[in-house]
Amino acid sequence: MASHARPHAAAPAPVADAAPAKAFSRKDLTGPALRTFFRIAEAWGLKEAEQMRLLGLDSRSTLQSWKRGAVSALSKDALERISYVMGIYKGLHVLLPQTADDWVRKPNSAAPFGGRSALERMLSGQVADLYVVRQYVDAQRG
């Protein structure tokens, strides 16, 4: 009897794409983002003026409303700012578990800070400065 060459196994049928992840709206993200931001603000010992600066706010009453959760949806700018702060916080806790919360106030001779603290850089009021600090922390993590 002649041996029959075994045919190559057929490629598996493509798996149906899983349902795409739900895209969260700004409204969905607002509550969790603010709660997290205010916990970080407490951990870092931020004064109200510093919190306002990081959030890009001019009004103390707006800050108070946000603390009470009396906001339906944050702006893209506010969510971006909070995202950078959260990333900085998380990165620092990976790098410096014991001193992460103190690090933000310590003078730093690294290029992005020029002898100032990371917090001073972040308090410039510009989103770009939050980005620079986040990038620095992420680079230190490798």
C-alpha atoms as a PDB file:
ATOM      1  CA  MET A   1       0.000   0.000   0.000  1.00  0.00           C
ATOM      2  CA  ALA A   2       1.360   3.373  -0.935  1.00  0.00           C
ATOM      3  CA  SER A   3       1.918   5.770   1.908  1.00  0.00           C
ATOM      4  CA  HIS A   4      -0.096   8.845   1.661  1.00  0.00           C
ATOM      5  CA  ALA A   5       1.589  12.082   2.549  1.00  0.00           C
ATOM      6  CA  ARG A   6      -0.117  13.594   5.460  1.00  0.00           C
ATOM      7  CA  PRO A   7      -1.695  16.888   4.449  1.00  0.00           C
ATOM      8  CA  HIS A   8      -0.656  19.948   6.364  1.00  0.00           C
ATOM      9  CA  ALA A   9      -2.980  20.804   9.138  1.00  0.00           C
ATOM     10  CA  ALA A  10      -5.387  23.467   8.109  1.00  0.00           C
ATOM     11  CA  ALA A  11      -4.876  26.829   9.715  1.00  0.00           C
ATOM     12  CA  PRO A  12      -7.194  27.280  12.631  1.00  0.00           C
ATOM     13  CA  ALA A  13     -10.259  29.294  11.910  1.00  0.00           C
ATOM     14  CA  PRO A  14      -9.832  32.903  12.948  1.00  0.00           C
ATOM     15  CA  VAL A  15     -11.183  33.601  16.386  1.00  0.00           C
ATOM     16  CA  ALA A  16     -14.014  36.038  16.350  1.00  0.00           C
ATOM     17  CA  ASP A  17     -12.811  39.371  17.612  1.00  0.00           C
ATOM     18  CA  ALA A  18     -13.668  39.890  21.212  1.00  0.00           C
ATOM     19  CA  ALA A  19     -16.027  42.727  21.829  1.00  0.00           C
ATOM     20  CA  PRO A  20     -14.049  45.935  21.858  1.00  0.00           C
ATOM     21  CA  ALA A  21     -13.311  47.326  25.278  1.00  0.00           C
ATOM     22  CA  LYS A  22     -15.855  49.862  26.362  1.00  0.00           C
ATOM     23  CA  ALA A  23     -14.613  53.345  25.738  1.00  0.00           C
ATOM     24  CA  PHE A  24     -15.157  55.252  28.931  1.00  0.00           C
ATOM     25  CA  SER A  25     -16.665  58.688  28.614  1.00  0.00           C
ATOM     26  CA  ARG A  26     -15.381  61.709  30.472  1.00  0.00           C
ATOM     27  CA  LYS A  27     -18.464  61.371  32.670  1.00  0.00           C
ATOM     28  CA  ASP A  28     -17.504  57.760  33.530  1.00  0.00           C
ATOM     29  CA  LEU A  29     -13.952  58.786  34.410  1.00  0.00           C
ATOM     30  CA  THR A  30     -14.726  61.933  36.401  1.00  0.00           C
ATOM     31  CA  GLY A  31     -15.594  60.426  39.793  1.00  0.00           C
ATOM     32  CA  PRO A  32     -12.745  57.898  39.962  1.00  0.00           C
ATOM     33  CA  ALA A  33     -10.242  60.433  38.609  1.00  0.00           C
ATOM     34  CA  LEU A  34     -11.151  63.076  41.178  1.00  0.00           C
ATOM     35  CA  ARG A  35     -11.188  60.640  44.100  1.00  0.00           C
ATOM     36  CA  THR A  36      -7.750  59.407  43.095  1.00  0.00           C
ATOM     37  CA  PHE A  37      -6.398  62.916  42.564  1.00  0.00           C
ATOM     38  CA  PHE A  38      -7.535  64.069  46.011  1.00  0.00           C
ATOM     39  CA  ARG A  39      -5.988  60.984  47.659  1.00  0.00           C
ATOM     40  CA  ILE A  40      -2.691  61.786  45.920  1.00  0.00           C
ATOM     41  CA  ALA A  41      -3.018  65.438  46.943  1.00  0.00           C
ATOM     42  CA  GLU A  42      -3.393  64.308  50.551  1.00  0.00           C
ATOM     43  CA  ALA A  43      -0.416  61.933  50.299  1.00  0.00           C
ATOM     44  CA  TRP A  44       1.737  64.739  48.863  1.00  0.00           C
ATOM     45  CA  GLY A  45       0.437  67.287  51.383  1.00  0.00           C
ATOM     46  CA  LEU A  46      -0.774  69.656  48.673  1.00  0.00           C
ATOM     47  CA  LYS A  47      -2.341  72.946  49.699  1.00  0.00           C
ATOM     48  CA  GLU A  48      -5.524  74.054  47.954  1.00  0.00           C
ATOM     49  CA  ALA A  49      -3.618  76.513  45.776  1.00  0.00           C
ATOM     50  CA  GLU A  50      -1.284  73.716  44.655  1.00  0.00           C
ATOM     51  CA  GLN A  51      -4.217  71.430  43.889  1.00  0.00           C
ATOM     52  CA  MET A  52      -5.845  74.172  41.848  1.00  0.00           C
ATOM     53  CA  ARG A  53      -2.644  74.784  39.914  1.00  0.00           C
ATOM     54  CA  LEU A  54      -2.189  71.092  39.094  1.00  0.00           C
ATOM     55  CA  LEU A  55      -5.810  70.851  37.962  1.00  0.00           C
ATOM     56  CA  GLY A  56      -5.616  74.065  35.940  1.00  0.00           C
ATOM     57  CA  LEU A  57      -8.314  75.777  38.015  1.00  0.00           C
ATOM     58  CA  ASP A  58      -8.693  79.477  38.752  1.00  0.00           C
ATOM     59  CA  SER A  59     -11.625  79.177  41.126  1.00  0.00           C
ATOM     60  CA  ARG A  60     -11.508  77.896  44.675  1.00  0.00           C
ATOM     61  CA  SER A  61     -15.271  77.315  44.547  1.00  0.00           C
ATOM     62  CA  THR A  62     -14.790  75.005  41.547  1.00  0.00           C
ATOM     63  CA  LEU A  63     -12.187  73.050  43.503  1.00  0.00           C
ATOM     64  CA  GLN A  64     -14.621  72.738  46.412  1.00  0.00           C
ATOM     65  CA  SER A  65     -17.376  71.536  44.061  1.00  0.00           C
ATOM     66  CA  TRP A  66     -15.029  68.938  42.615  1.00  0.00           C
ATOM     67  CA  LYS A  67     -14.089  67.755  46.110  1.00  0.00           C
ATOM     68  CA  ARG A  68     -17.789  67.243  46.835  1.00  0.00           C
ATOM     69  CA  GLY A  69     -18.186  65.377  43.542  1.00  0.00           C
ATOM     70  CA  ALA A  70     -20.498  68.075  42.207  1.00  0.00           C
ATOM     71  CA  VAL A  71     -19.276  67.901  38.630  1.00  0.00           C
ATOM     72  CA  SER A  72     -20.828  65.797  35.910  1.00  0.00           C
ATOM     73  CA  ALA A  73     -17.828  65.518  33.587  1.00  0.00           C
ATOM     74  CA  LEU A  74     -14.300  66.893  33.743  1.00  0.00           C
ATOM     75  CA  SER A  75     -12.778  68.589  30.731  1.00  0.00           C
ATOM     76  CA  LYS A  76     -10.256  66.683  28.624  1.00  0.00           C
ATOM     77  CA  ASP A  77      -7.600  69.050  29.994  1.00  0.00           C
ATOM     78  CA  ALA A  78      -8.425  68.222  33.621  1.00  0.00           C
ATOM     79  CA  LEU A  79      -8.489  64.488  32.900  1.00  0.00           C
ATOM     80  CA  GLU A  80      -5.139  64.737  31.121  1.00  0.00           C
ATOM     81  CA  ARG A  81      -3.640  66.598  34.082  1.00  0.00           C
ATOM     82  CA  ILE A  82      -4.963  64.023  36.544  1.00  0.00           C
ATOM     83  CA  SER A  83      -3.679  61.211  34.345  1.00  0.00           C
ATOM     84  CA  TYR A  84      -0.152  62.653  34.458  1.00  0.00           C
ATOM     85  CA  VAL A  85      -0.325  63.117  38.242  1.00  0.00           C
ATOM     86  CA  MET A  86      -1.522  59.525  38.656  1.00  0.00           C
ATOM     87  CA  GLY A  87       1.293  58.237  36.457  1.00  0.00           C
ATOM     88  CA  ILE A  88       3.876  60.233  38.395  1.00  0.00           C
ATOM     89  CA  TYR A  89       2.490  58.967  41.697  1.00  0.00           C
ATOM     90  CA  LYS A  90       2.442  55.337  40.564  1.00  0.00           C
ATOM     91  CA  GLY A  91       5.913  55.536  39.036  1.00  0.00           C
ATOM     92  CA  LEU A  92       7.372  57.047  42.186  1.00  0.00           C
ATOM     93  CA  HIS A  93       5.837  54.332  44.331  1.00  0.00           C
ATOM     94  CA  VAL A  94       7.446  51.701  42.114  1.00  0.00           C
ATOM     95  CA  LEU A  95      10.834  53.440  42.197  1.00  0.00           C
ATOM     96  CA  LEU A  96      10.884  54.719  45.770  1.00  0.00           C
ATOM     97  CA  PRO A  97       8.359  52.780  47.848  1.00  0.00           C
ATOM     98  CA  GLN A  98       9.511  54.310  51.144  1.00  0.00           C
ATOM     99  CA  THR A  99      10.054  57.933  50.106  1.00  0.00           C
ATOM    100  CA  ALA A 100       7.882  58.424  47.003  1.00  0.00           C
ATOM    101  CA  ASP A 101       5.580  61.036  48.514  1.00  0.00           C
ATOM    102  CA  ASP A 102       8.478  63.088  49.875  1.00  0.00           C
ATOM    103  CA  TRP A 103      10.424  63.014  46.587  1.00  0.00           C
ATOM    104  CA  VAL A 104       8.091  65.455  44.830  1.00  0.00           C
ATOM    105  CA  ARG A 105       9.133  68.280  47.201  1.00  0.00           C
ATOM    106  CA  LYS A 106      12.882  67.600  47.298  1.00  0.00           C
ATOM    107  CA  PRO A 107      15.242  69.733  45.210  1.00  0.00           C
ATOM    108  CA  ASN A 108      16.455  67.774  42.224  1.00  0.00           C
ATOM    109  CA  SER A 109      19.549  68.498  40.155  1.00  0.00           C
ATOM    110  CA  ALA A 110      18.350  66.400  37.184  1.00  0.00           C
ATOM    111  CA  ALA A 111      18.057  68.350  33.940  1.00  0.00           C
ATOM    112  CA  PRO A 112      14.264  68.780  33.888  1.00  0.00           C
ATOM    113  CA  PHE A 113      14.290  70.354  37.354  1.00  0.00           C
ATOM    114  CA  GLY A 114      17.421  72.497  37.497  1.00  0.00           C
ATOM    115  CA  GLY A 115      17.690  72.283  41.268  1.00  0.00           C
ATOM    116  CA  ARG A 116      13.969  72.806  41.841  1.00  0.00           C
ATOM    117  CA  SER A 117      11.624  70.096  43.052  1.00  0.00           C
ATOM    118  CA  ALA A 118       9.442  68.092  40.718  1.00  0.00           C
ATOM    119  CA  LEU A 119       6.429  69.698  42.379  1.00  0.00           C
ATOM    120  CA  GLU A 120       7.742  73.173  41.565  1.00  0.00           C
ATOM    121  CA  ARG A 121       8.039  72.100  37.921  1.00  0.00           C
ATOM    122  CA  MET A 122       4.523  70.657  37.966  1.00  0.00           C
ATOM    123  CA  LEU A 123       3.106  73.820  39.543  1.00  0.00           C
ATOM    124  CA  SER A 124       4.047  75.976  36.554  1.00  0.00           C
ATOM    125  CA  GLY A 125       0.455  75.508  35.465  1.00  0.00           C
ATOM    126  CA  GLN A 126       1.332  74.039  32.074  1.00  0.00           C
ATOM    127  CA  VAL A 127       0.238  70.542  31.098  1.00  0.00           C
ATOM    128  CA  ALA A 128       3.598  70.208  29.333  1.00  0.00           C
ATOM    129  CA  ASP A 129       5.411  70.416  32.683  1.00  0.00           C
ATOM    130  CA  LEU A 130       3.332  67.571  34.087  1.00  0.00           C
ATOM    131  CA  TYR A 131       4.266  65.618  30.963  1.00  0.00           C
ATOM    132  CA  VAL A 132       7.990  66.350  31.472  1.00  0.00           C
ATOM    133  CA  VAL A 133       7.894  65.119  35.078  1.00  0.00           C
ATOM    134  CA  ARG A 134       5.937  62.011  34.053  1.00  0.00           C
ATOM    135  CA  GLN A 135       8.427  61.316  31.270  1.00  0.00           C
ATOM    136  CA  TYR A 136      11.345  61.711  33.704  1.00  0.00           C
ATOM    137  CA  VAL A 137       9.805  59.321  36.247  1.00  0.00           C
ATOM    138  CA  ASP A 138       8.963  56.781  33.540  1.00  0.00           C
ATOM    139  CA  ALA A 139      12.531  56.980  32.177  1.00  0.00           C
ATOM    140  CA  GLN A 140      13.921  56.277  35.652  1.00  0.00           C
ATOM    141  CA  ARG A 141      11.776  53.154  35.811  1.00  0.00           C
ATOM    142  CA  GLY A 142      13.328  51.994  32.546  1.00  0.00           C
END
